[in-house]
């Protein structure tokens, strides 16, 4: 028998599910903006969809946002 106590287990947050929710948001936002005639804004949403679908995480710095939007 060991004197070692059991380690504490911490479950990881559901990052993939969260990313899918964000992806769905950008897709819906793109459709809504296109219906409203705001093609520039819809294009930005499409850029974010492409960014996330390429396997990259949601940008959280100004430099990453610039790269994601292709500015």
PDB file of N, CA and C in Angstrom:
ATOM      1  N   UNK A   1       0.848  -1.178   0.000  1.00  0.00           N
ATOM      2  CA  UNK A   1       0.000   0.000   0.000  1.00  0.00           C
ATOM      3  C   UNK A   1       0.891   1.237   0.000  1.00  0.00           C
ATOM      4  N   UNK A   2       0.448   2.247  -0.721  1.00  0.00           N
ATOM      5  CA  UNK A   2       1.248   3.446  -0.889  1.00  0.00           C
ATOM      6  C   UNK A   2       0.747   4.556   0.025  1.00  0.00           C
ATOM      7  N   UNK A   3       1.655   5.388   0.457  1.00  0.00           N
ATOM      8  CA  UNK A   3       1.288   6.545   1.267  1.00  0.00           C
ATOM      9  C   UNK A   3       0.931   7.750   0.404  1.00  0.00           C
ATOM     10  N   UNK A   4       0.994   7.561  -0.887  1.00  0.00           N
ATOM     11  CA  UNK A   4       0.727   8.680  -1.788  1.00  0.00           C
ATOM     12  C   UNK A   4      -0.783   8.896  -1.919  1.00  0.00           C
ATOM     13  N   UNK A   5      -1.206  10.137  -1.737  1.00  0.00           N
ATOM     14  CA  UNK A   5      -2.634  10.433  -1.868  1.00  0.00           C
ATOM     15  C   UNK A   5      -2.987  10.579  -3.351  1.00  0.00           C
ATOM     16  N   UNK A   6      -4.230  10.352  -3.693  1.00  0.00           N
ATOM     17  CA  UNK A   6      -4.619  10.446  -5.104  1.00  0.00           C
ATOM     18  C   UNK A   6      -4.509  11.878  -5.623  1.00  0.00           C
ATOM     19  N   UNK A   7      -4.119  12.003  -6.874  1.00  0.00           N
ATOM     20  CA  UNK A   7      -3.993  13.322  -7.487  1.00  0.00           C
ATOM     21  C   UNK A   7      -5.345  13.951  -7.745  1.00  0.00           C
ATOM     22  N   UNK A   8      -5.343  15.261  -7.811  1.00  0.00           N
ATOM     23  CA  UNK A   8      -6.590  15.976  -8.090  1.00  0.00           C
ATOM     24  C   UNK A   8      -6.794  16.022  -9.600  1.00  0.00           C
ATOM     25  N   UNK A   9      -7.987  15.693 -10.030  1.00  0.00           N
ATOM     26  CA  UNK A   9      -8.321  15.681 -11.449  1.00  0.00           C
ATOM     27  C   UNK A   9      -9.075  16.949 -11.804  1.00  0.00           C
ATOM     28  N   UNK A  10      -8.620  17.628 -12.819  1.00  0.00           N
ATOM     29  CA  UNK A  10      -9.313  18.824 -13.295  1.00  0.00           C
ATOM     30  C   UNK A  10      -9.722  18.590 -14.737  1.00  0.00           C
ATOM     31  N   UNK A  11     -11.016  18.678 -14.989  1.00  0.00           N
ATOM     32  CA  UNK A  11     -11.471  18.484 -16.359  1.00  0.00           C
ATOM     33  C   UNK A  11     -11.173  19.733 -17.177  1.00  0.00           C
ATOM     34  N   UNK A  12     -10.866  19.518 -18.430  1.00  0.00           N
ATOM     35  CA  UNK A  12     -10.568  20.634 -19.325  1.00  0.00           C
ATOM     36  C   UNK A  12     -11.876  21.218 -19.842  1.00  0.00           C
ATOM     37  N   UNK A  13     -11.912  22.507 -20.095  1.00  0.00           N
ATOM     38  CA  UNK A  13     -13.131  23.110 -20.649  1.00  0.00           C
ATOM     39  C   UNK A  13     -13.390  22.603 -22.062  1.00  0.00           C
ATOM     40  N   UNK A  14     -14.640  22.648 -22.476  1.00  0.00           N
ATOM     41  CA  UNK A  14     -15.052  22.167 -23.786  1.00  0.00           C
ATOM     42  C   UNK A  14     -14.706  23.210 -24.844  1.00  0.00           C
ATOM     43  N   UNK A  15     -13.440  23.243 -25.234  1.00  0.00           N
ATOM     44  CA  UNK A  15     -12.968  24.255 -26.173  1.00  0.00           C
ATOM     45  C   UNK A  15     -13.555  24.012 -27.558  1.00  0.00           C
ATOM     46  N   UNK A  16     -13.615  22.766 -27.995  1.00  0.00           N
ATOM     47  CA  UNK A  16     -14.129  22.479 -29.332  1.00  0.00           C
ATOM     48  C   UNK A  16     -15.590  22.896 -29.448  1.00  0.00           C
ATOM     49  N   UNK A  17     -16.393  22.607 -28.443  1.00  0.00           N
ATOM     50  CA  UNK A  17     -17.794  23.013 -28.465  1.00  0.00           C
ATOM     51  C   UNK A  17     -17.939  24.520 -28.484  1.00  0.00           C
ATOM     52  N   UNK A  18     -17.079  25.188 -27.766  1.00  0.00           N
ATOM     53  CA  UNK A  18     -17.100  26.651 -27.737  1.00  0.00           C
ATOM     54  C   UNK A  18     -16.709  27.209 -29.104  1.00  0.00           C
ATOM     55  N   UNK A  19     -15.686  26.626 -29.726  1.00  0.00           N
ATOM     56  CA  UNK A  19     -15.271  27.076 -31.052  1.00  0.00           C
ATOM     57  C   UNK A  19     -16.380  26.868 -32.074  1.00  0.00           C
ATOM     58  N   UNK A  20     -17.120  25.781 -31.944  1.00  0.00           N
ATOM     59  CA  UNK A  20     -18.215  25.522 -32.876  1.00  0.00           C
ATOM     60  C   UNK A  20     -19.319  26.557 -32.710  1.00  0.00           C
ATOM     61  N   UNK A  21     -19.571  26.974 -31.480  1.00  0.00           N
ATOM     62  CA  UNK A  21     -20.572  28.010 -31.238  1.00  0.00           C
ATOM     63  C   UNK A  21     -20.156  29.340 -31.838  1.00  0.00           C
ATOM     64  N   UNK A  22     -18.887  29.659 -31.719  1.00  0.00           N
ATOM     65  CA  UNK A  22     -18.366  30.905 -32.291  1.00  0.00           C
ATOM     66  C   UNK A  22     -18.419  30.831 -33.813  1.00  0.00           C
ATOM     67  N   UNK A  23     -18.065  29.674 -34.361  1.00  0.00           N
ATOM     68  CA  UNK A  23     -18.115  29.488 -35.809  1.00  0.00           C
ATOM     69  C   UNK A  23     -19.542  29.667 -36.327  1.00  0.00           C
ATOM     70  N   UNK A  24     -20.495  29.090 -35.622  1.00  0.00           N
ATOM     71  CA  UNK A  24     -21.903  29.225 -36.010  1.00  0.00           C
ATOM     72  C   UNK A  24     -22.333  30.692 -35.958  1.00  0.00           C
ATOM     73  N   UNK A  25     -21.890  31.419 -34.936  1.00  0.00           N
ATOM     74  CA  UNK A  25     -22.209  32.843 -34.821  1.00  0.00           C
ATOM     75  C   UNK A  25     -21.722  33.612 -36.045  1.00  0.00           C
ATOM     76  N   UNK A  26     -20.462  33.387 -36.436  1.00  0.00           N
ATOM     77  CA  UNK A  26     -19.904  34.117 -37.572  1.00  0.00           C
ATOM     78  C   UNK A  26     -20.627  33.765 -38.872  1.00  0.00           C
ATOM     79  N   UNK A  27     -21.019  32.493 -39.034  1.00  0.00           N
ATOM     80  CA  UNK A  27     -21.745  32.096 -40.242  1.00  0.00           C
ATOM     81  C   UNK A  27     -23.109  32.774 -40.311  1.00  0.00           C
ATOM     82  N   UNK A  28     -23.823  32.784 -39.195  1.00  0.00           N
ATOM     83  CA  UNK A  28     -25.141  33.420 -39.159  1.00  0.00           C
ATOM     84  C   UNK A  28     -25.000  34.926 -39.357  1.00  0.00           C
ATOM     85  N   UNK A  29     -24.013  35.525 -38.708  1.00  0.00           N
ATOM     86  CA  UNK A  29     -23.788  36.966 -38.852  1.00  0.00           C
ATOM     87  C   UNK A  29     -23.490  37.318 -40.305  1.00  0.00           C
ATOM     88  N   UNK A  30     -22.739  36.472 -40.987  1.00  0.00           N
ATOM     89  CA  UNK A  30     -22.430  36.717 -42.394  1.00  0.00           C
ATOM     90  C   UNK A  30     -23.708  36.732 -43.224  1.00  0.00           C
ATOM     91  N   UNK A  31     -24.586  35.750 -43.014  1.00  0.00           N
ATOM     92  CA  UNK A  31     -25.840  35.680 -43.773  1.00  0.00           C
ATOM     93  C   UNK A  31     -26.723  36.894 -43.502  1.00  0.00           C
ATOM     94  N   UNK A  32     -26.830  37.278 -42.228  1.00  0.00           N
ATOM     95  CA  UNK A  32     -27.672  38.424 -41.863  1.00  0.00           C
ATOM     96  C   UNK A  32     -27.132  39.706 -42.493  1.00  0.00           C
ATOM     97  N   UNK A  33     -25.830  39.891 -42.423  1.00  0.00           N
ATOM     98  CA  UNK A  33     -25.224  41.097 -42.991  1.00  0.00           C
ATOM     99  C   UNK A  33     -25.377  41.142 -44.510  1.00  0.00           C
ATOM    100  N   UNK A  34     -25.280  39.983 -45.165  1.00  0.00           N
ATOM    101  CA  UNK A  34     -25.480  39.954 -46.615  1.00  0.00           C
ATOM    102  C   UNK A  34     -26.911  40.334 -46.975  1.00  0.00           C
ATOM    103  N   UNK A  35     -27.878  39.857 -46.189  1.00  0.00           N
ATOM    104  CA  UNK A  35     -29.285  40.198 -46.430  1.00  0.00           C
ATOM    105  C   UNK A  35     -29.525  41.693 -46.264  1.00  0.00           C
ATOM    106  N   UNK A  36     -28.790  42.310 -45.351  1.00  0.00           N
ATOM    107  CA  UNK A  36     -28.943  43.742 -45.090  1.00  0.00           C
ATOM    108  C   UNK A  36     -28.138  44.602 -46.071  1.00  0.00           C
ATOM    109  N   UNK A  37     -27.429  43.959 -46.978  1.00  0.00           N
ATOM    110  CA  UNK A  37     -26.665  44.702 -47.974  1.00  0.00           C
ATOM    111  C   UNK A  37     -25.326  45.215 -47.479  1.00  0.00           C
ATOM    112  N   UNK A  38     -24.847  44.695 -46.382  1.00  0.00           N
ATOM    113  CA  UNK A  38     -23.562  45.138 -45.815  1.00  0.00           C
ATOM    114  C   UNK A  38     -22.488  44.122 -46.211  1.00  0.00           C
ATOM    115  N   UNK A  39     -22.066  44.209 -47.451  1.00  0.00           N
ATOM    116  CA  UNK A  39     -21.158  43.199 -47.995  1.00  0.00           C
ATOM    117  C   UNK A  39     -19.759  43.262 -47.378  1.00  0.00           C
ATOM    118  N   UNK A  40     -19.279  44.449 -47.043  1.00  0.00           N
ATOM    119  CA  UNK A  40     -17.948  44.556 -46.433  1.00  0.00           C
ATOM    120  C   UNK A  40     -17.910  43.875 -45.071  1.00  0.00           C
ATOM    121  N   UNK A  41     -18.935  44.128 -44.266  1.00  0.00           N
ATOM    122  CA  UNK A  41     -18.999  43.513 -42.943  1.00  0.00           C
ATOM    123  C   UNK A  41     -19.182  42.000 -43.062  1.00  0.00           C
ATOM    124  N   UNK A  42     -19.993  41.566 -44.033  1.00  0.00           N
ATOM    125  CA  UNK A  42     -20.207  40.131 -44.254  1.00  0.00           C
ATOM    126  C   UNK A  42     -18.903  39.453 -44.664  1.00  0.00           C
ATOM    127  N   UNK A  43     -18.104  40.151 -45.456  1.00  0.00           N
ATOM    128  CA  UNK A  43     -16.815  39.603 -45.870  1.00  0.00           C
ATOM    129  C   UNK A  43     -15.908  39.394 -44.660  1.00  0.00           C
ATOM    130  N   UNK A  44     -15.930  40.326 -43.712  1.00  0.00           N
ATOM    131  CA  UNK A  44     -15.123  40.174 -42.496  1.00  0.00           C
ATOM    132  C   UNK A  44     -15.559  38.951 -41.699  1.00  0.00           C
ATOM    133  N   UNK A  45     -16.867  38.704 -41.641  1.00  0.00           N
ATOM    134  CA  UNK A  45     -17.366  37.516 -40.943  1.00  0.00           C
ATOM    135  C   UNK A  45     -16.898  36.250 -41.667  1.00  0.00           C
ATOM    136  N   UNK A  46     -16.915  36.294 -42.996  1.00  0.00           N
ATOM    137  CA  UNK A  46     -16.448  35.152 -43.785  1.00  0.00           C
ATOM    138  C   UNK A  46     -14.963  34.890 -43.539  1.00  0.00           C
ATOM    139  N   UNK A  47     -14.188  35.949 -43.395  1.00  0.00           N
ATOM    140  CA  UNK A  47     -12.759  35.796 -43.099  1.00  0.00           C
ATOM    141  C   UNK A  47     -12.560  35.093 -41.758  1.00  0.00           C
ATOM    142  N   UNK A  48     -13.389  35.435 -40.774  1.00  0.00           N
ATOM    143  CA  UNK A  48     -13.279  34.792 -39.462  1.00  0.00           C
ATOM    144  C   UNK A  48     -13.685  33.322 -39.539  1.00  0.00           C
ATOM    145  N   UNK A  49     -14.707  33.015 -40.341  1.00  0.00           N
ATOM    146  CA  UNK A  49     -15.109  31.616 -40.532  1.00  0.00           C
ATOM    147  C   UNK A  49     -13.942  30.832 -41.124  1.00  0.00           C
ATOM    148  N   UNK A  50     -13.309  31.367 -42.151  1.00  0.00           N
ATOM    149  CA  UNK A  50     -12.161  30.700 -42.769  1.00  0.00           C
ATOM    150  C   UNK A  50     -11.022  30.518 -41.772  1.00  0.00           C
ATOM    151  N   UNK A  51     -10.788  31.527 -40.945  1.00  0.00           N
ATOM    152  CA  UNK A  51      -9.716  31.483 -39.938  1.00  0.00           C
ATOM    153  C   UNK A  51      -9.953  30.326 -38.961  1.00  0.00           C
ATOM    154  N   UNK A  52     -11.175  30.224 -38.468  1.00  0.00           N
ATOM    155  CA  UNK A  52     -11.489  29.186 -37.481  1.00  0.00           C
ATOM    156  C   UNK A  52     -11.500  27.805 -38.133  1.00  0.00           C
ATOM    157  N   UNK A  53     -12.028  27.700 -39.350  1.00  0.00           N
ATOM    158  CA  UNK A  53     -12.082  26.412 -40.035  1.00  0.00           C
ATOM    159  C   UNK A  53     -10.700  25.910 -40.421  1.00  0.00           C
ATOM    160  N   UNK A  54      -9.731  26.791 -40.513  1.00  0.00           N
ATOM    161  CA  UNK A  54      -8.371  26.361 -40.829  1.00  0.00           C
ATOM    162  C   UNK A  54      -7.662  25.778 -39.604  1.00  0.00           C
ATOM    163  N   UNK A  55      -8.363  25.739 -38.476  1.00  0.00           N
ATOM    164  CA  UNK A  55      -7.806  25.125 -37.276  1.00  0.00           C
ATOM    165  C   UNK A  55      -7.187  26.101 -36.303  1.00  0.00           C
ATOM    166  N   UNK A  56      -7.262  27.371 -36.609  1.00  0.00           N
ATOM    167  CA  UNK A  56      -6.680  28.375 -35.716  1.00  0.00           C
ATOM    168  C   UNK A  56      -7.700  28.793 -34.669  1.00  0.00           C
ATOM    169  N   UNK A  57      -7.199  29.196 -33.533  1.00  0.00           N
ATOM    170  CA  UNK A  57      -8.071  29.665 -32.447  1.00  0.00           C
ATOM    171  C   UNK A  57      -8.519  31.094 -32.713  1.00  0.00           C
ATOM    172  N   UNK A  58      -9.557  31.485 -32.013  1.00  0.00           N
ATOM    173  CA  UNK A  58     -10.074  32.837 -32.128  1.00  0.00           C
ATOM    174  C   UNK A  58      -8.971  33.817 -31.735  1.00  0.00           C
ATOM    175  N   UNK A  59      -8.681  34.812 -32.562  1.00  0.00           N
ATOM    176  CA  UNK A  59      -7.588  35.740 -32.250  1.00  0.00           C
ATOM    177  C   UNK A  59      -7.883  36.544 -30.984  1.00  0.00           C
ATOM    178  N   UNK A  60      -6.844  36.729 -30.168  1.00  0.00           N
ATOM    179  CA  UNK A  60      -7.037  37.476 -28.923  1.00  0.00           C
ATOM    180  C   UNK A  60      -6.044  38.625 -28.753  1.00  0.00           C
ATOM    181  N   UNK A  61      -5.273  38.896 -29.782  1.00  0.00           N
ATOM    182  CA  UNK A  61      -4.402  40.070 -29.756  1.00  0.00           C
ATOM    183  C   UNK A  61      -4.693  40.904 -31.002  1.00  0.00           C
ATOM    184  N   UNK A  62      -4.289  42.143 -30.966  1.00  0.00           N
ATOM    185  CA  UNK A  62      -4.531  43.035 -32.104  1.00  0.00           C
ATOM    186  C   UNK A  62      -3.833  42.518 -33.360  1.00  0.00           C
ATOM    187  N   UNK A  63      -2.619  42.006 -33.206  1.00  0.00           N
ATOM    188  CA  UNK A  63      -1.880  41.478 -34.353  1.00  0.00           C
ATOM    189  C   UNK A  63      -2.592  40.283 -34.966  1.00  0.00           C
ATOM    190  N   UNK A  64      -3.106  39.384 -34.119  1.00  0.00           N
ATOM    191  CA  UNK A  64      -3.822  38.212 -34.618  1.00  0.00           C
ATOM    192  C   UNK A  64      -5.115  38.602 -35.326  1.00  0.00           C
ATOM    193  N   UNK A  65      -5.802  39.602 -34.808  1.00  0.00           N
ATOM    194  CA  UNK A  65      -7.040  40.071 -35.444  1.00  0.00           C
ATOM    195  C   UNK A  65      -6.725  40.646 -36.819  1.00  0.00           C
ATOM    196  N   UNK A  66      -5.644  41.398 -36.920  1.00  0.00           N
ATOM    197  CA  UNK A  66      -5.241  41.973 -38.208  1.00  0.00           C
ATOM    198  C   UNK A  66      -4.936  40.862 -39.206  1.00  0.00           C
ATOM    199  N   UNK A  67      -4.235  39.824 -38.754  1.00  0.00           N
ATOM    200  CA  UNK A  67      -3.930  38.691 -39.631  1.00  0.00           C
ATOM    201  C   UNK A  67      -5.204  37.967 -40.045  1.00  0.00           C
ATOM    202  N   UNK A  68      -6.094  37.734 -39.095  1.00  0.00           N
ATOM    203  CA  UNK A  68      -7.325  36.989 -39.372  1.00  0.00           C
ATOM    204  C   UNK A  68      -8.210  37.722 -40.367  1.00  0.00           C
ATOM    205  N   UNK A  69      -8.270  39.032 -40.267  1.00  0.00           N
ATOM    206  CA  UNK A  69      -9.124  39.816 -41.159  1.00  0.00           C
ATOM    207  C   UNK A  69      -8.422  40.191 -42.459  1.00  0.00           C
ATOM    208  N   UNK A  70      -7.144  39.875 -42.561  1.00  0.00           N
ATOM    209  CA  UNK A  70      -6.408  40.161 -43.787  1.00  0.00           C
ATOM    210  C   UNK A  70      -6.192  41.638 -44.040  1.00  0.00           C
ATOM    211  N   UNK A  71      -6.031  42.389 -42.978  1.00  0.00           N
ATOM    212  CA  UNK A  71      -5.844  43.844 -43.101  1.00  0.00           C
ATOM    213  C   UNK A  71      -4.365  44.153 -43.247  1.00  0.00           C
TER     214      UNK A  71
END
